Amino acid sequence: MSAWTVLAEGVRVRTSRCYEMNSLVLTRDGHALVVDPGVLPSELDDLAAAVQAEAPRLDRVSLAFTHPHWDHVLGLPWFPGATTFAHAGFADALEREAATVTADATRWIEEQGEKLPHGFRPFTPALSARGTTAVQLGPFTVVTYDTPGHDSTHLALWFPDSGVLAAGDLLSDIEIPMLDAPPWVYRNSLKTLHWLFEQEDVRLLVPGHGPVAHGRTAGYRRLLRDLDYLLHLEEAVERAWKAGQSLEQARAELAAMDYLGKDAEYAMNDVHAENVRFTWQAHTDSAAPGRP
């Protein structure tokens, strides 16, 4: 199976063998835009060669980063001189997490039998945005949407000219929502994308990990599935919390929940357990009514 998938004219995705992570590549008139270039050094070599074939001048290449997690931020050294773009809070978050990014990248890449040729260094994007904003990157118009819940600086990127939504680590077909905040924060981000699906012609949904969704309906179904998971999670945790259960008891009880990727080869069991913890902690922090 090829790592490359052609989705439309000037729209391709390269899928890593690490986490099935997707790097979106848009090309037009000697320009290129890459969303989340990754992951392994050999894959970045291939990605850079493909981009160079379409855009030989690196000053006509742009890199967009949906969020500052290790598997999304390693590609910059392969594209010297490219314009970089991310959320306004991206640089500070990346600086704070630099040691974690380095450790995680080193561990996962070495497990794949490769080695980073460049030591990771945090960086500040040349361009940044916050909220819903239209940004021009060469010939490519991108509309940004703040979508926290997985990361506080997470952006979903909408390309209206090609009908492509780069959702970052949202709306995957192999992952449940991975929380770094209370679940209602993530739900609000899904509500934002719900509006996008209602108002725009989303022809291709490219998640950070896993298969691309073709057509508005397929992408919409993923959004509704993730929203349903979060609502069930919140309801079950609140019920356990009000009953006076401990976190460990709640985790044991909620292990019976059905969810995407349960006991799969790319298992979401540990992620689900962490989601229970985030939800539990949110109830504790807010001193929810009804706590014994």
Protein backbone atom coordinates (compact mmCIF):
# COMPACT_ATOMS: atom_id res chain seq x y z
CA MET A 1 0.00 0.00 0.00
CA SER A 2 1.41 3.38 -1.04
CA ALA A 3 2.09 6.01 1.58
CA TRP A 4 0.73 8.61 -0.85
CA THR A 5 -2.92 9.18 -1.69
CA VAL A 6 -4.05 11.61 -4.38
CA LEU A 7 -7.34 13.14 -3.26
CA ALA A 8 -7.92 15.74 -5.96
CA GLU A 9 -5.92 17.87 -8.35
CA GLY A 10 -3.19 19.52 -6.29
CA VAL A 11 -4.28 17.73 -3.10
CA ARG A 12 -2.33 14.77 -1.72
CA VAL A 13 -1.79 13.10 1.63
CA ARG A 14 1.25 11.24 2.82
CA THR A 15 0.47 8.78 5.61
CA SER A 16 3.18 7.80 8.07
CA ARG A 17 3.61 4.27 9.35
CA CYS A 18 3.81 5.89 12.79
CA TYR A 19 0.28 6.39 14.19
CA GLU A 20 -1.06 6.54 10.62
CA MET A 21 -0.36 10.27 10.79
CA ASN A 22 -1.28 12.33 7.74
CA SER A 23 0.68 15.16 6.16
CA LEU A 24 -1.52 17.14 3.79
CA VAL A 25 0.17 18.61 0.70
CA LEU A 26 -1.47 21.28 -1.47
CA THR A 27 0.27 22.40 -4.67
CA ARG A 28 -0.52 25.09 -7.21
CA ASP A 29 1.46 27.11 -9.76
CA GLY A 30 4.89 26.28 -8.32
CA HIS A 31 3.78 26.79 -4.72
CA ALA A 32 3.21 24.20 -2.00
CA LEU A 33 1.63 24.11 1.43
CA VAL A 34 2.24 21.26 3.86
CA VAL A 35 0.09 20.73 6.94
CA ASP A 36 1.87 18.89 9.79
CA PRO A 37 4.96 17.54 8.00
CA GLY A 38 5.99 14.25 9.62
CA VAL A 39 6.85 11.88 11.04
CA LEU A 40 9.90 9.65 10.54
CA PRO A 41 13.12 11.01 9.01
CA SER A 42 12.88 8.71 5.98
CA GLU A 43 9.28 9.84 5.45
CA LEU A 44 10.25 13.48 5.74
CA ASP A 45 12.97 12.88 3.13
CA ASP A 46 10.27 11.55 0.80
CA LEU A 47 7.88 14.36 1.65
CA ALA A 48 10.50 17.04 1.05
CA ALA A 49 11.46 15.50 -2.31
CA ALA A 50 7.83 15.42 -3.44
CA VAL A 51 7.32 19.04 -2.42
CA GLN A 52 10.52 20.17 -4.11
CA ALA A 53 9.40 18.56 -7.36
CA GLU A 54 6.30 20.77 -7.33
CA ALA A 55 7.80 23.87 -5.69
CA PRO A 56 11.57 24.06 -6.29
CA ARG A 57 11.86 27.44 -4.60
CA LEU A 58 11.55 27.05 -0.84
CA ASP A 59 10.34 30.62 -0.49
CA ARG A 60 7.20 29.36 -2.23
CA VAL A 61 6.64 26.64 0.37
CA SER A 62 4.51 27.11 3.49
CA LEU A 63 4.23 24.84 6.52
CA ALA A 64 1.12 24.93 8.71
CA PHE A 65 1.03 23.24 12.12
CA THR A 66 -2.29 22.32 13.70
CA HIS A 67 -0.85 21.96 17.21
CA PRO A 68 2.50 21.48 19.01
CA HIS A 69 2.51 17.72 19.75
CA TRP A 70 5.72 15.89 18.89
CA ASP A 71 4.48 13.96 15.86
CA HIS A 72 3.27 17.16 14.18
CA VAL A 73 6.26 19.47 14.62
CA LEU A 74 9.42 17.67 13.46
CA GLY A 75 9.45 18.63 9.80
CA LEU A 76 10.80 22.19 9.77
CA PRO A 77 14.50 21.30 9.20
CA TRP A 78 13.54 19.58 5.94
CA PHE A 79 12.13 22.84 4.58
CA PRO A 80 14.63 25.64 5.30
CA GLY A 81 13.32 29.00 4.20
CA ALA A 82 9.67 27.93 4.19
CA THR A 83 7.03 30.21 5.68
CA THR A 84 5.64 28.76 8.92
CA PHE A 85 2.17 29.24 10.36
CA ALA A 86 0.34 28.10 13.54
CA HIS A 87 -1.85 29.28 16.40
CA ALA A 88 -0.81 32.45 18.23
CA GLY A 89 -0.07 30.40 21.35
CA PHE A 90 1.85 27.68 19.53
CA ALA A 91 5.38 28.97 20.13
CA ASP A 92 4.95 29.34 23.90
CA ALA A 93 3.37 25.89 24.17
CA LEU A 94 6.13 24.32 22.10
CA GLU A 95 8.80 25.98 24.24
CA ARG A 96 7.18 24.65 27.40
CA GLU A 97 6.92 21.14 25.98
CA ALA A 98 10.29 21.01 24.21
CA ALA A 99 11.77 18.38 26.52
CA THR A 100 8.69 16.17 26.19
CA VAL A 101 8.68 16.58 22.40
CA THR A 102 12.35 15.56 22.24
CA ALA A 103 11.87 12.55 24.52
CA ASP A 104 8.75 11.28 22.76
CA ALA A 105 10.17 11.81 19.28
CA THR A 106 13.44 10.06 20.15
CA ARG A 107 11.65 7.07 21.68
CA TRP A 108 9.11 6.52 18.91
CA ILE A 109 11.53 7.12 16.05
CA GLU A 110 14.16 4.79 17.49
CA GLU A 111 11.50 2.11 17.93
CA GLN A 112 10.97 2.37 14.17
CA GLY A 113 14.68 1.80 13.59
CA GLU A 114 15.47 5.41 12.65
CA LYS A 115 17.16 8.40 14.23
CA LEU A 116 16.51 12.12 14.09
CA PRO A 117 19.33 13.72 12.09
CA HIS A 118 18.61 17.10 13.71
CA GLY A 119 18.15 17.73 17.39
CA PHE A 120 14.69 19.18 17.98
CA ARG A 121 14.57 22.92 18.59
CA PRO A 122 11.39 24.83 19.41
CA PHE A 123 10.54 27.56 16.94
CA THR A 124 8.29 30.55 16.52
CA PRO A 125 6.12 30.53 13.39
CA ALA A 126 6.53 33.48 11.06
CA LEU A 127 2.74 33.88 10.88
CA SER A 128 0.11 33.12 13.48
CA ALA A 129 -3.60 33.51 14.09
CA ARG A 130 -6.23 33.12 16.77
CA GLY A 131 -9.94 32.56 16.32
CA THR A 132 -11.72 32.43 12.99
CA THR A 133 -9.42 34.22 10.57
CA ALA A 134 -8.64 34.03 6.86
CA VAL A 135 -4.91 33.76 6.17
CA GLN A 136 -3.17 33.81 2.80
CA LEU A 137 -0.23 31.40 2.41
CA GLY A 138 1.04 31.90 -1.12
CA PRO A 139 -1.94 31.16 -3.41
CA PHE A 140 -3.72 29.19 -0.70
CA THR A 141 -6.46 30.73 1.42
CA VAL A 142 -6.90 29.05 4.79
CA VAL A 143 -9.62 29.84 7.33
CA THR A 144 -8.63 28.99 10.89
CA TYR A 145 -10.87 27.69 13.66
CA ASP A 146 -9.79 27.52 17.30
CA THR A 147 -10.53 23.95 18.39
CA PRO A 148 -9.15 23.36 21.91
CA GLY A 149 -9.84 20.27 23.96
CA HIS A 150 -7.03 18.09 22.66
CA ASP A 151 -4.57 20.96 22.96
CA SER A 152 -5.23 24.55 23.98
CA THR A 153 -3.57 25.90 20.80
CA HIS A 154 -5.20 23.47 18.37
CA LEU A 155 -6.34 24.83 15.01
CA ALA A 156 -8.56 23.22 12.40
CA LEU A 157 -7.71 24.55 8.94
CA TRP A 158 -10.36 25.01 6.26
CA PHE A 159 -9.30 25.43 2.62
CA PRO A 160 -12.43 26.73 0.86
CA ASP A 161 -10.93 26.71 -2.63
CA SER A 162 -10.38 22.94 -2.54
CA GLY A 163 -13.10 21.96 -0.07
CA VAL A 164 -10.54 20.42 2.30
CA LEU A 165 -10.73 20.48 6.09
CA ALA A 166 -7.46 19.63 7.86
CA ALA A 167 -8.82 18.69 11.27
CA GLY A 168 -5.57 18.02 13.13
CA ASP A 169 -6.17 15.53 15.95
CA LEU A 170 -9.95 15.76 15.71
CA LEU A 171 -12.44 13.65 13.75
CA SER A 172 -10.25 10.59 13.29
CA ASP A 173 -11.71 7.26 12.24
CA ILE A 174 -9.21 5.34 14.39
CA GLU A 175 -9.12 7.50 17.54
CA ILE A 176 -11.62 8.67 20.10
CA PRO A 177 -11.28 12.27 21.32
CA MET A 178 -8.06 12.62 23.33
CA LEU A 179 -8.72 15.16 26.06
CA ASP A 180 -6.33 17.60 27.67
CA ALA A 181 -9.21 19.60 29.19
CA PRO A 182 -12.76 19.00 30.43
CA PRO A 183 -14.87 17.26 27.78
CA TRP A 184 -17.14 20.27 27.32
CA VAL A 185 -14.15 22.21 25.95
CA TYR A 186 -13.76 19.58 23.25
CA ARG A 187 -17.54 19.57 22.67
CA ASN A 188 -17.46 23.30 22.01
CA SER A 189 -14.81 22.72 19.36
CA LEU A 190 -17.02 20.10 17.74
CA LYS A 191 -19.87 22.63 17.78
CA THR A 192 -17.62 25.04 15.91
CA LEU A 193 -16.92 22.41 13.24
CA HIS A 194 -20.62 21.50 13.20
CA TRP A 195 -21.27 25.02 11.96
CA LEU A 196 -18.58 24.58 9.31
CA PHE A 197 -20.14 21.35 8.03
CA GLU A 198 -23.54 23.05 7.90
CA GLN A 199 -22.35 26.17 6.07
CA GLU A 200 -19.52 25.03 3.80
CA ASP A 201 -18.92 22.44 1.09
CA VAL A 202 -16.57 20.09 2.96
CA ARG A 203 -15.60 17.59 0.29
CA LEU A 204 -12.55 16.11 2.01
CA LEU A 205 -11.83 15.75 5.72
CA VAL A 206 -8.16 15.03 6.44
CA PRO A 207 -7.65 14.04 10.09
CA GLY A 208 -4.27 13.99 11.76
CA HIS A 209 -4.47 10.20 12.01
CA GLY A 210 -6.26 7.55 10.00
CA PRO A 211 -8.37 7.44 6.83
CA VAL A 212 -9.58 10.52 4.99
CA ALA A 213 -13.36 11.07 4.96
CA HIS A 214 -14.77 11.70 1.49
CA GLY A 215 -17.84 13.88 1.35
CA ARG A 216 -19.63 16.10 3.83
CA THR A 217 -21.84 13.30 5.18
CA ALA A 218 -18.91 11.01 6.03
CA GLY A 219 -17.14 13.78 7.92
CA TYR A 220 -20.34 14.84 9.66
CA ARG A 221 -20.89 11.29 10.92
CA ARG A 222 -17.49 11.34 12.60
CA LEU A 223 -18.35 14.58 14.35
CA LEU A 224 -21.64 13.18 15.64
CA ARG A 225 -19.95 9.96 16.77
CA ASP A 226 -17.32 11.88 18.76
CA LEU A 227 -19.97 14.15 20.25
CA ASP A 228 -21.97 11.08 21.30
CA TYR A 229 -18.90 9.56 22.97
CA LEU A 230 -18.22 12.72 24.97
CA LEU A 231 -21.82 13.06 26.10
CA HIS A 232 -21.89 9.45 27.29
CA LEU A 233 -18.54 9.95 29.03
CA GLU A 234 -19.73 13.07 30.86
CA GLU A 235 -23.00 11.48 31.91
CA ALA A 236 -21.35 8.31 33.24
CA VAL A 237 -18.58 10.13 35.10
CA GLU A 238 -21.03 12.57 36.67
CA ARG A 239 -23.21 9.68 37.83
CA ALA A 240 -20.21 7.89 39.38
CA TRP A 241 -18.95 11.12 40.94
CA LYS A 242 -22.29 11.93 42.54
CA ALA A 243 -22.50 8.37 43.86
CA GLY A 244 -19.29 9.00 45.78
CA GLN A 245 -17.13 6.59 43.78
CA SER A 246 -13.37 7.09 43.67
CA LEU A 247 -11.59 7.81 40.42
CA GLU A 248 -10.30 4.23 40.35
CA GLN A 249 -13.82 2.87 40.83
CA ALA A 250 -15.16 5.14 38.08
CA ARG A 251 -12.41 4.05 35.70
CA ALA A 252 -13.17 0.40 36.39
CA GLU A 253 -16.89 0.93 35.81
CA LEU A 254 -16.45 3.03 32.67
CA ALA A 255 -14.06 0.51 31.15
CA ALA A 256 -17.24 -1.25 30.04
CA MET A 257 -18.23 1.70 27.81
CA ASP A 258 -18.25 1.03 24.09
CA TYR A 259 -16.07 3.35 22.03
CA LEU A 260 -14.03 3.55 18.84
CA GLY A 261 -10.79 1.56 18.99
CA LYS A 262 -11.63 -0.41 22.11
CA ASP A 263 -9.28 -3.41 22.34
CA ALA A 264 -8.16 -2.75 18.75
CA GLU A 265 -4.62 -3.16 17.45
CA TYR A 266 -4.31 0.62 17.70
CA ALA A 267 -6.12 0.54 21.03
CA MET A 268 -7.79 3.51 22.66
CA ASN A 269 -8.18 1.87 26.09
CA ASP A 270 -5.51 3.99 27.81
CA VAL A 271 -6.83 7.14 26.14
CA HIS A 272 -10.34 6.39 27.39
CA ALA A 273 -9.02 5.88 30.92
CA GLU A 274 -7.29 9.27 30.75
CA ASN A 275 -10.48 10.85 29.43
CA VAL A 276 -12.27 9.54 32.51
CA ARG A 277 -9.60 11.17 34.68
CA PHE A 278 -9.91 14.55 32.93
CA THR A 279 -13.68 14.46 33.27
CA TRP A 280 -13.49 13.37 36.91
CA GLN A 281 -11.02 16.12 37.74
CA ALA A 282 -13.20 18.71 36.06
CA HIS A 283 -16.09 17.76 38.33
CA THR A 284 -13.82 17.92 41.37
CA ASP A 285 -12.41 21.32 40.41
CA SER A 286 -15.84 22.82 39.83
CA ALA A 287 -17.28 21.34 43.06
CA ALA A 288 -20.27 20.11 41.11
CA PRO A 289 -23.61 20.16 42.97
CA GLY A 290 -24.64 16.86 44.49
CA ARG A 291 -21.18 15.75 45.61
CA PRO A 292 -21.57 13.88 48.92
